[in-house]
Amino acid sequence: MTSSSSSSRSRNPSNGVRSTPDPFAYSTTSTYSKSSVSRKSGACWNPIKAVARNIVGAFVACFTPPDPEGYKKFWGSGDFRSPSVAPKMSRTNSERRGSNRAIYSNSTKEKVPGSMKFTMEGISKATRNFSPAFKIGQGGFGMVYKGRLDDGTFVAIKRAKKSVDDKHLGVEFQSEITTLAQVEHLHLVKFYGYLEHGDERIVVVEYVPNGTLREHLDGVHGKVLDLAARVDIAIDVAHAITYLHMYTDHPIIHRDIKSSNILLTEKLRAKVTDFGFARLAADIDSGATHVSTQVKGTAGYLDPEYLRTYQLTEKSDVYSFGVLLVELVTGRRPIEPKRELRERITARWAMRKFNNGDAISALDPRLQLTTGTNLAIEKILELALQCLAPRRQNRPSMRRCGEILWSIRKDYRELSAMDLRSYSSNSQ
């Protein structure tokens, strides 16, 4: 990855943590925010104090993500209103650190991202000297191992290739640690720290135990992801990318959004990983775009306008997200070389089906056909078509993608509930 502007904007990984609220899930309209405020105000006997605490509680609720239990209750509730988005606010470093502690308040670490210190001896111990039995993945950066720290925490340890010929590895390593140290979000992998020791480059991040989205779509884990889970995953990813684009002091472009870079928790919630290609966006106020001398990304997900002009914007991530939506609907990989010519580029094939009024035939055959499914597939592919627009100006923002997906999920759940009631009454 090369860029004349990237190095000048790089920051010390231990400073400048960007911890901001999820623009959708934690809006002031959420059931979590209301209940937390009412609980606090109910304990006040003084009316003036009660009003003051209500105001403070509402403000804190806007900027403090809930604990995992509250988060689960929110997603499981019936409140599916399209969320409001809090205005972008400038905050001091001390405020960032304070909100950082709030996010990790239930954690045994309560660490600022990237602040943990590691030694080569400790890394070797955690991975049993990089035992092949601990290997859990491999990518362009190098090998990924599962490790266990002295306090019992399981982590993912990324070990860079030792290749003197690849001049870009050092750049990608610095890019990843710089980016990870600046961001913090429920649907981004947590960054614990890094280590440079001789020719060793190590990145230590949160271990997410349930494999990648691509593995689940391929059926590697034995269970088919139902459509409800796929829509939830799409929303999780939309939240994370919206955060990168909108809720940091300087927007970040991921540049490699794909199903193999989306990890799933045991409850099938998504966490976006792999920031090796990420970079800071150009100044939005000036309307500028980045001009790269080398295109980065993965075949099948790359924005064609970026390929043609070498101009990188946040809308390049939106294009990749459109490809991801098609993957979720069809279950297919972006490029299927063994299929007949007309079906090899999955997004192109699916969009033809949609434009011909035959969207349902693009559905993953393992998914059940229902009234709710039919409607959801139409709307998801319609959104994908907008994301895949040849010109970036015609693509929606990631924030808008998230709002549309919220609406799709609401309609899908309502129709699914109606189908269930109809089935029950017919059975009786």
Foldseek 3Di string as FASTA:
>chain_A
DDAPVFVVPFDDLQFQAFQWAQQWLQALPFPLLVVVLCVVLVVDPDPVVSVVSSVVSSVVSRGADDDPVSSVCRVPDLPLDQGHGDDADDDDRVVRLVSLLRNCVVPPPSDQFAPDDDDPVQVCQFCVNVDPVQWDDADPQGTWGWGAGPVGAIKIKGKGDLDPVDPCNVVLLSQQSRVQSHYDDPQAWGWHHWDDDPSITMTITHDADDAWQLCQLVCVVVDHDALLLLLQQLLSVLSVQCCQQPHGPFHKAQQEDDRNQWGAHPVSHTHGYRSSPMGTADDVVVVAWTADPDRDYDPLQAQVVCVVGVTDDNLRVLSSSLSRLLCSFQSDDCADPVDPPLPGRPLNNLLVCLVVVNNVVSGHVVYDDDPLSVVLSNQSNVLSVQSNPNDSVSHDHSSVVSSSSSVSSSSSVVRVVVVVVVVVVVVD
